[in-house]
Amino acid sequence: MLKLDELDLKILKRIQADGRFNLQNLAEEFKMPKSTILYRIRRMEKEGCVDNNFIHPLKIQFYSNLCQ
């Protein structure tokens, strides 16, 4: 099971809030390179945490604060 850190959780919250996110906006918001954000998203997609911008709660260990 994929271990998520604080940045992963922030990215997931933004994807959950707006499935049509802009990679550039996320990079600016988190003060990270676009490549880092894209790598994190692709890693979560590969692990099945995110599929077409849908978040699978079972794959992210039920991080309950994600949906608040």
PDB file of N, CA and C in Angstrom:
ATOM      1  N   MET A   1       0.846  -1.178   0.000  1.00  0.00           N
ATOM      2  CA  MET A   1       0.000   0.000   0.000  1.00  0.00           C
ATOM      3  C   MET A   1       0.893   1.242   0.000  1.00  0.00           C
ATOM      4  N   LEU A   2       0.514   2.196  -0.789  1.00  0.00           N
ATOM      5  CA  LEU A   2       1.290   3.423  -0.952  1.00  0.00           C
ATOM      6  C   LEU A   2       1.229   4.279   0.313  1.00  0.00           C
ATOM      7  N   LYS A   3       2.382   4.698   0.775  1.00  0.00           N
ATOM      8  CA  LYS A   3       2.447   5.625   1.909  1.00  0.00           C
ATOM      9  C   LYS A   3       2.376   7.046   1.362  1.00  0.00           C
ATOM     10  N   LEU A   4       1.475   7.824   1.916  1.00  0.00           N
ATOM     11  CA  LEU A   4       1.285   9.193   1.458  1.00  0.00           C
ATOM     12  C   LEU A   4       1.877  10.164   2.465  1.00  0.00           C
ATOM     13  N   ASP A   5       2.584  11.159   1.952  1.00  0.00           N
ATOM     14  CA  ASP A   5       3.116  12.194   2.834  1.00  0.00           C
ATOM     15  C   ASP A   5       2.226  13.432   2.749  1.00  0.00           C
ATOM     16  N   GLU A   6       2.653  14.485   3.404  1.00  0.00           N
ATOM     17  CA  GLU A   6       1.841  15.708   3.475  1.00  0.00           C
ATOM     18  C   GLU A   6       1.565  16.301   2.089  1.00  0.00           C
ATOM     19  N   LEU A   7       2.571  16.307   1.221  1.00  0.00           N
ATOM     20  CA  LEU A   7       2.376  16.846  -0.125  1.00  0.00           C
ATOM     21  C   LEU A   7       1.378  16.005  -0.907  1.00  0.00           C
ATOM     22  N   ASP A   8       1.482  14.679  -0.815  1.00  0.00           N
ATOM     23  CA  ASP A   8       0.526  13.806  -1.497  1.00  0.00           C
ATOM     24  C   ASP A   8      -0.898  14.119  -1.051  1.00  0.00           C
ATOM     25  N   LEU A   9      -1.084  14.282   0.247  1.00  0.00           N
ATOM     26  CA  LEU A   9      -2.419  14.567   0.770  1.00  0.00           C
ATOM     27  C   LEU A   9      -2.939  15.917   0.291  1.00  0.00           C
ATOM     28  N   LYS A  10      -2.065  16.909   0.219  1.00  0.00           N
ATOM     29  CA  LYS A  10      -2.478  18.223  -0.292  1.00  0.00           C
ATOM     30  C   LYS A  10      -2.900  18.118  -1.752  1.00  0.00           C
ATOM     31  N   ILE A  11      -2.139  17.373  -2.527  1.00  0.00           N
ATOM     32  CA  ILE A  11      -2.476  17.182  -3.943  1.00  0.00           C
ATOM     33  C   ILE A  11      -3.821  16.477  -4.060  1.00  0.00           C
ATOM     34  N   LEU A  12      -4.032  15.433  -3.267  1.00  0.00           N
ATOM     35  CA  LEU A  12      -5.302  14.709  -3.310  1.00  0.00           C
ATOM     36  C   LEU A  12      -6.477  15.603  -2.931  1.00  0.00           C
ATOM     37  N   LYS A  13      -6.289  16.450  -1.939  1.00  0.00           N
ATOM     38  CA  LYS A  13      -7.363  17.378  -1.557  1.00  0.00           C
ATOM     39  C   LYS A  13      -7.737  18.292  -2.718  1.00  0.00           C
ATOM     40  N   ARG A  14      -6.730  18.798  -3.419  1.00  0.00           N
ATOM     41  CA  ARG A  14      -6.991  19.702  -4.547  1.00  0.00           C
ATOM     42  C   ARG A  14      -7.667  18.960  -5.690  1.00  0.00           C
ATOM     43  N   ILE A  15      -7.226  17.725  -5.954  1.00  0.00           N
ATOM     44  CA  ILE A  15      -7.854  16.928  -7.009  1.00  0.00           C
ATOM     45  C   ILE A  15      -9.304  16.647  -6.636  1.00  0.00           C
ATOM     46  N   GLN A  16      -9.539  16.342  -5.372  1.00  0.00           N
ATOM     47  CA  GLN A  16     -10.895  16.073  -4.915  1.00  0.00           C
ATOM     48  C   GLN A  16     -11.770  17.321  -5.043  1.00  0.00           C
ATOM     49  N   ALA A  17     -11.223  18.470  -4.731  1.00  0.00           N
ATOM     50  CA  ALA A  17     -11.983  19.718  -4.801  1.00  0.00           C
ATOM     51  C   ALA A  17     -12.288  20.110  -6.243  1.00  0.00           C
ATOM     52  N   ASP A  18     -11.341  19.857  -7.143  1.00  0.00           N
ATOM     53  CA  ASP A  18     -11.523  20.230  -8.546  1.00  0.00           C
ATOM     54  C   ASP A  18     -10.789  19.221  -9.420  1.00  0.00           C
ATOM     55  N   GLY A  19     -11.532  18.278  -9.971  1.00  0.00           N
ATOM     56  CA  GLY A  19     -10.952  17.226 -10.802  1.00  0.00           C
ATOM     57  C   GLY A  19     -10.304  17.735 -12.072  1.00  0.00           C
ATOM     58  N   ARG A  20     -10.598  18.972 -12.441  1.00  0.00           N
ATOM     59  CA  ARG A  20      -9.999  19.555 -13.650  1.00  0.00           C
ATOM     60  C   ARG A  20      -8.900  20.536 -13.256  1.00  0.00           C
ATOM     61  N   PHE A  21      -8.007  20.070 -12.414  1.00  0.00           N
ATOM     62  CA  PHE A  21      -6.929  20.907 -11.906  1.00  0.00           C
ATOM     63  C   PHE A  21      -5.949  21.274 -13.017  1.00  0.00           C
ATOM     64  N   ASN A  22      -5.204  22.326 -12.774  1.00  0.00           N
ATOM     65  CA  ASN A  22      -4.165  22.779 -13.692  1.00  0.00           C
ATOM     66  C   ASN A  22      -2.825  22.509 -13.025  1.00  0.00           C
ATOM     67  N   LEU A  23      -1.972  21.764 -13.706  1.00  0.00           N
ATOM     68  CA  LEU A  23      -0.679  21.381 -13.145  1.00  0.00           C
ATOM     69  C   LEU A  23       0.156  22.599 -12.762  1.00  0.00           C
ATOM     70  N   GLN A  24       0.145  23.621 -13.595  1.00  0.00           N
ATOM     71  CA  GLN A  24       0.907  24.840 -13.304  1.00  0.00           C
ATOM     72  C   GLN A  24       0.403  25.505 -12.025  1.00  0.00           C
ATOM     73  N   ASN A  25      -0.914  25.570 -11.869  1.00  0.00           N
ATOM     74  CA  ASN A  25      -1.487  26.177 -10.663  1.00  0.00           C
ATOM     75  C   ASN A  25      -1.119  25.394  -9.409  1.00  0.00           C
ATOM     76  N   LEU A  26      -1.155  24.061  -9.507  1.00  0.00           N
ATOM     77  CA  LEU A  26      -0.764  23.242  -8.359  1.00  0.00           C
ATOM     78  C   LEU A  26       0.698  23.480  -7.999  1.00  0.00           C
ATOM     79  N   ALA A  27       1.551  23.529  -9.003  1.00  0.00           N
ATOM     80  CA  ALA A  27       2.980  23.754  -8.769  1.00  0.00           C
ATOM     81  C   ALA A  27       3.210  25.096  -8.074  1.00  0.00           C
ATOM     82  N   GLU A  28       2.509  26.117  -8.523  1.00  0.00           N
ATOM     83  CA  GLU A  28       2.651  27.437  -7.904  1.00  0.00           C
ATOM     84  C   GLU A  28       2.094  27.441  -6.481  1.00  0.00           C
ATOM     85  N   GLU A  29       0.949  26.807  -6.296  1.00  0.00           N
ATOM     86  CA  GLU A  29       0.315  26.772  -4.973  1.00  0.00           C
ATOM     87  C   GLU A  29       1.202  26.072  -3.939  1.00  0.00           C
ATOM     88  N   PHE A  30       1.828  24.978  -4.332  1.00  0.00           N
ATOM     89  CA  PHE A  30       2.655  24.203  -3.406  1.00  0.00           C
ATOM     90  C   PHE A  30       4.133  24.571  -3.472  1.00  0.00           C
ATOM     91  N   LYS A  31       4.452  25.552  -4.317  1.00  0.00           N
ATOM     92  CA  LYS A  31       5.840  26.017  -4.470  1.00  0.00           C
ATOM     93  C   LYS A  31       6.794  24.856  -4.769  1.00  0.00           C
ATOM     94  N   MET A  32       6.375  24.057  -5.748  1.00  0.00           N
ATOM     95  CA  MET A  32       7.141  22.889  -6.193  1.00  0.00           C
ATOM     96  C   MET A  32       7.218  22.917  -7.714  1.00  0.00           C
ATOM     97  N   PRO A  33       8.234  22.282  -8.281  1.00  0.00           N
ATOM     98  CA  PRO A  33       8.291  22.190  -9.743  1.00  0.00           C
ATOM     99  C   PRO A  33       7.122  21.355 -10.278  1.00  0.00           C
ATOM    100  N   LYS A  34       6.688  21.684 -11.493  1.00  0.00           N
ATOM    101  CA  LYS A  34       5.611  20.912 -12.116  1.00  0.00           C
ATOM    102  C   LYS A  34       5.974  19.438 -12.196  1.00  0.00           C
ATOM    103  N   SER A  35       7.251  19.159 -12.449  1.00  0.00           N
ATOM    104  CA  SER A  35       7.682  17.765 -12.584  1.00  0.00           C
ATOM    105  C   SER A  35       7.457  16.977 -11.288  1.00  0.00           C
ATOM    106  N   THR A  36       7.634  17.627 -10.155  1.00  0.00           N
ATOM    107  CA  THR A  36       7.411  16.968  -8.865  1.00  0.00           C
ATOM    108  C   THR A  36       5.936  16.652  -8.672  1.00  0.00           C
ATOM    109  N   ILE A  37       5.084  17.624  -8.975  1.00  0.00           N
ATOM    110  CA  ILE A  37       3.641  17.424  -8.835  1.00  0.00           C
ATOM    111  C   ILE A  37       3.181  16.318  -9.775  1.00  0.00           C
ATOM    112  N   LEU A  38       3.635  16.366 -11.012  1.00  0.00           N
ATOM    113  CA  LEU A  38       3.251  15.356 -12.001  1.00  0.00           C
ATOM    114  C   LEU A  38       3.730  13.972 -11.573  1.00  0.00           C
ATOM    115  N   TYR A  39       4.961  13.888 -11.072  1.00  0.00           N
ATOM    116  CA  TYR A  39       5.490  12.604 -10.593  1.00  0.00           C
ATOM    117  C   TYR A  39       4.599  12.042  -9.486  1.00  0.00           C
ATOM    118  N   ARG A  40       4.210  12.896  -8.541  1.00  0.00           N
ATOM    119  CA  ARG A  40       3.371  12.452  -7.419  1.00  0.00           C
ATOM    120  C   ARG A  40       2.016  11.953  -7.916  1.00  0.00           C
ATOM    121  N   ILE A  41       1.414  12.692  -8.843  1.00  0.00           N
ATOM    122  CA  ILE A  41       0.106  12.290  -9.365  1.00  0.00           C
ATOM    123  C   ILE A  41       0.222  10.969 -10.114  1.00  0.00           C
ATOM    124  N   ARG A  42       1.226  10.841 -10.959  1.00  0.00           N
ATOM    125  CA  ARG A  42       1.409   9.593 -11.725  1.00  0.00           C
ATOM    126  C   ARG A  42       1.690   8.407 -10.805  1.00  0.00           C
ATOM    127  N   ARG A  43       2.455   8.637  -9.749  1.00  0.00           N
ATOM    128  CA  ARG A  43       2.738   7.567  -8.786  1.00  0.00           C
ATOM    129  C   ARG A  43       1.442   7.107  -8.116  1.00  0.00           C
ATOM    130  N   MET A  44       0.582   8.068  -7.750  1.00  0.00           N
ATOM    131  CA  MET A  44      -0.689   7.711  -7.122  1.00  0.00           C
ATOM    132  C   MET A  44      -1.618   7.029  -8.121  1.00  0.00           C
ATOM    133  N   GLU A  45      -1.559   7.429  -9.389  1.00  0.00           N
ATOM    134  CA  GLU A  45      -2.346   6.751 -10.424  1.00  0.00           C
ATOM    135  C   GLU A  45      -1.862   5.315 -10.601  1.00  0.00           C
ATOM    136  N   LYS A  46      -0.550   5.137 -10.658  1.00  0.00           N
ATOM    137  CA  LYS A  46       0.034   3.803 -10.838  1.00  0.00           C
ATOM    138  C   LYS A  46      -0.370   2.859  -9.707  1.00  0.00           C
ATOM    139  N   GLU A  47      -0.431   3.386  -8.490  1.00  0.00           N
ATOM    140  CA  GLU A  47      -0.810   2.585  -7.323  1.00  0.00           C
ATOM    141  C   GLU A  47      -2.323   2.424  -7.196  1.00  0.00           C
ATOM    142  N   GLY A  48      -3.083   3.093  -8.064  1.00  0.00           N
ATOM    143  CA  GLY A  48      -4.527   2.969  -8.038  1.00  0.00           C
ATOM    144  C   GLY A  48      -5.226   3.894  -7.060  1.00  0.00           C
ATOM    145  N   CYS A  49      -4.500   4.840  -6.486  1.00  0.00           N
ATOM    146  CA  CYS A  49      -5.113   5.801  -5.554  1.00  0.00           C
ATOM    147  C   CYS A  49      -5.998   6.795  -6.290  1.00  0.00           C
ATOM    148  N   VAL A  50      -5.588   7.136  -7.496  1.00  0.00           N
ATOM    149  CA  VAL A  50      -6.309   8.106  -8.311  1.00  0.00           C
ATOM    150  C   VAL A  50      -6.540   7.478  -9.679  1.00  0.00           C
ATOM    151  N   ASP A  51      -7.778   7.597 -10.173  1.00  0.00           N
ATOM    152  CA  ASP A  51      -8.120   7.062 -11.486  1.00  0.00           C
ATOM    153  C   ASP A  51      -9.024   8.076 -12.173  1.00  0.00           C
ATOM    154  N   ASN A  52      -8.522   8.686 -13.230  1.00  0.00           N
ATOM    155  CA  ASN A  52      -9.292   9.731 -13.918  1.00  0.00           C
ATOM    156  C   ASN A  52      -9.793  10.785 -12.941  1.00  0.00           C
ATOM    157  N   ASN A  53      -8.907  11.173 -12.039  1.00  0.00           N
ATOM    158  CA  ASN A  53      -9.181  12.200 -11.032  1.00  0.00           C
ATOM    159  C   ASN A  53     -10.239  11.788 -10.013  1.00  0.00           C
ATOM    160  N   PHE A  54     -10.498  10.481  -9.913  1.00  0.00           N
ATOM    161  CA  PHE A  54     -11.362   9.944  -8.859  1.00  0.00           C
ATOM    162  C   PHE A  54     -10.457   9.334  -7.804  1.00  0.00           C
ATOM    163  N   ILE A  55     -10.661   9.693  -6.548  1.00  0.00           N
ATOM    164  CA  ILE A  55      -9.822   9.204  -5.458  1.00  0.00           C
ATOM    165  C   ILE A  55     -10.449   7.947  -4.869  1.00  0.00           C
ATOM    166  N   HIS A  56      -9.657   6.888  -4.763  1.00  0.00           N
ATOM    167  CA  HIS A  56     -10.110   5.622  -4.200  1.00  0.00           C
ATOM    168  C   HIS A  56      -9.730   5.559  -2.721  1.00  0.00           C
ATOM    169  N   PRO A  57     -10.694   5.736  -1.809  1.00  0.00           N
ATOM    170  CA  PRO A  57     -10.387   5.789  -0.375  1.00  0.00           C
ATOM    171  C   PRO A  57      -9.689   4.537   0.156  1.00  0.00           C
ATOM    172  N   LEU A  58     -10.039   3.366  -0.358  1.00  0.00           N
ATOM    173  CA  LEU A  58      -9.411   2.136   0.130  1.00  0.00           C
ATOM    174  C   LEU A  58      -7.924   2.095  -0.170  1.00  0.00           C
ATOM    175  N   LYS A  59      -7.520   2.745  -1.239  1.00  0.00           N
ATOM    176  CA  LYS A  59      -6.120   2.732  -1.640  1.00  0.00           C
ATOM    177  C   LYS A  59      -5.278   3.743  -0.870  1.00  0.00           C
ATOM    178  N   ILE A  60      -5.915   4.679  -0.202  1.00  0.00           N
ATOM    179  CA  ILE A  60      -5.145   5.698   0.523  1.00  0.00           C
ATOM    180  C   ILE A  60      -5.300   5.552   2.032  1.00  0.00           C
ATOM    181  N   GLN A  61      -5.597   4.359   2.474  1.00  0.00           N
ATOM    182  CA  GLN A  61      -5.634   4.021   3.895  1.00  0.00           C
ATOM    183  C   GLN A  61      -6.645   4.854   4.683  1.00  0.00           C
ATOM    184  N   PHE A  62      -7.754   5.216   4.067  1.00  0.00           N
ATOM    185  CA  PHE A  62      -8.817   5.941   4.759  1.00  0.00           C
ATOM    186  C   PHE A  62      -8.325   7.169   5.509  1.00  0.00           C
ATOM    187  N   TYR A  63      -7.577   8.005   4.856  1.00  0.00           N
ATOM    188  CA  TYR A  63      -7.165   9.264   5.490  1.00  0.00           C
ATOM    189  C   TYR A  63      -8.419  10.104   5.683  1.00  0.00           C
ATOM    190  N   SER A  64      -9.014  10.014   6.864  1.00  0.00           N
ATOM    191  CA  SER A  64     -10.315  10.629   7.112  1.00  0.00           C
ATOM    192  C   SER A  64     -10.283  12.141   6.983  1.00  0.00           C
ATOM    193  N   ASN A  65      -9.165  12.767   7.274  1.00  0.00           N
ATOM    194  CA  ASN A  65      -9.120  14.226   7.184  1.00  0.00           C
ATOM    195  C   ASN A  65      -9.083  14.706   5.742  1.00  0.00           C
ATOM    196  N   LEU A  66      -8.898  13.805   4.791  1.00  0.00           N
ATOM    197  CA  LEU A  66      -8.860  14.195   3.386  1.00  0.00           C
ATOM    198  C   LEU A  66     -10.200  14.762   2.941  1.00  0.00           C
ATOM    199  N   CYS A  67     -11.280  14.196   3.425  1.00  0.00           N
ATOM    200  CA  CYS A  67     -12.608  14.579   2.953  1.00  0.00           C
ATOM    201  C   CYS A  67     -13.226  15.709   3.759  1.00  0.00           C
ATOM    202  N   GLN A  68     -12.496  16.256   4.693  1.00  0.00           N
ATOM    203  CA  GLN A  68     -13.060  17.329   5.515  1.00  0.00           C
ATOM    204  C   GLN A  68     -12.811  18.675   4.894  1.00  0.00           C
TER     205      GLN A  68
END
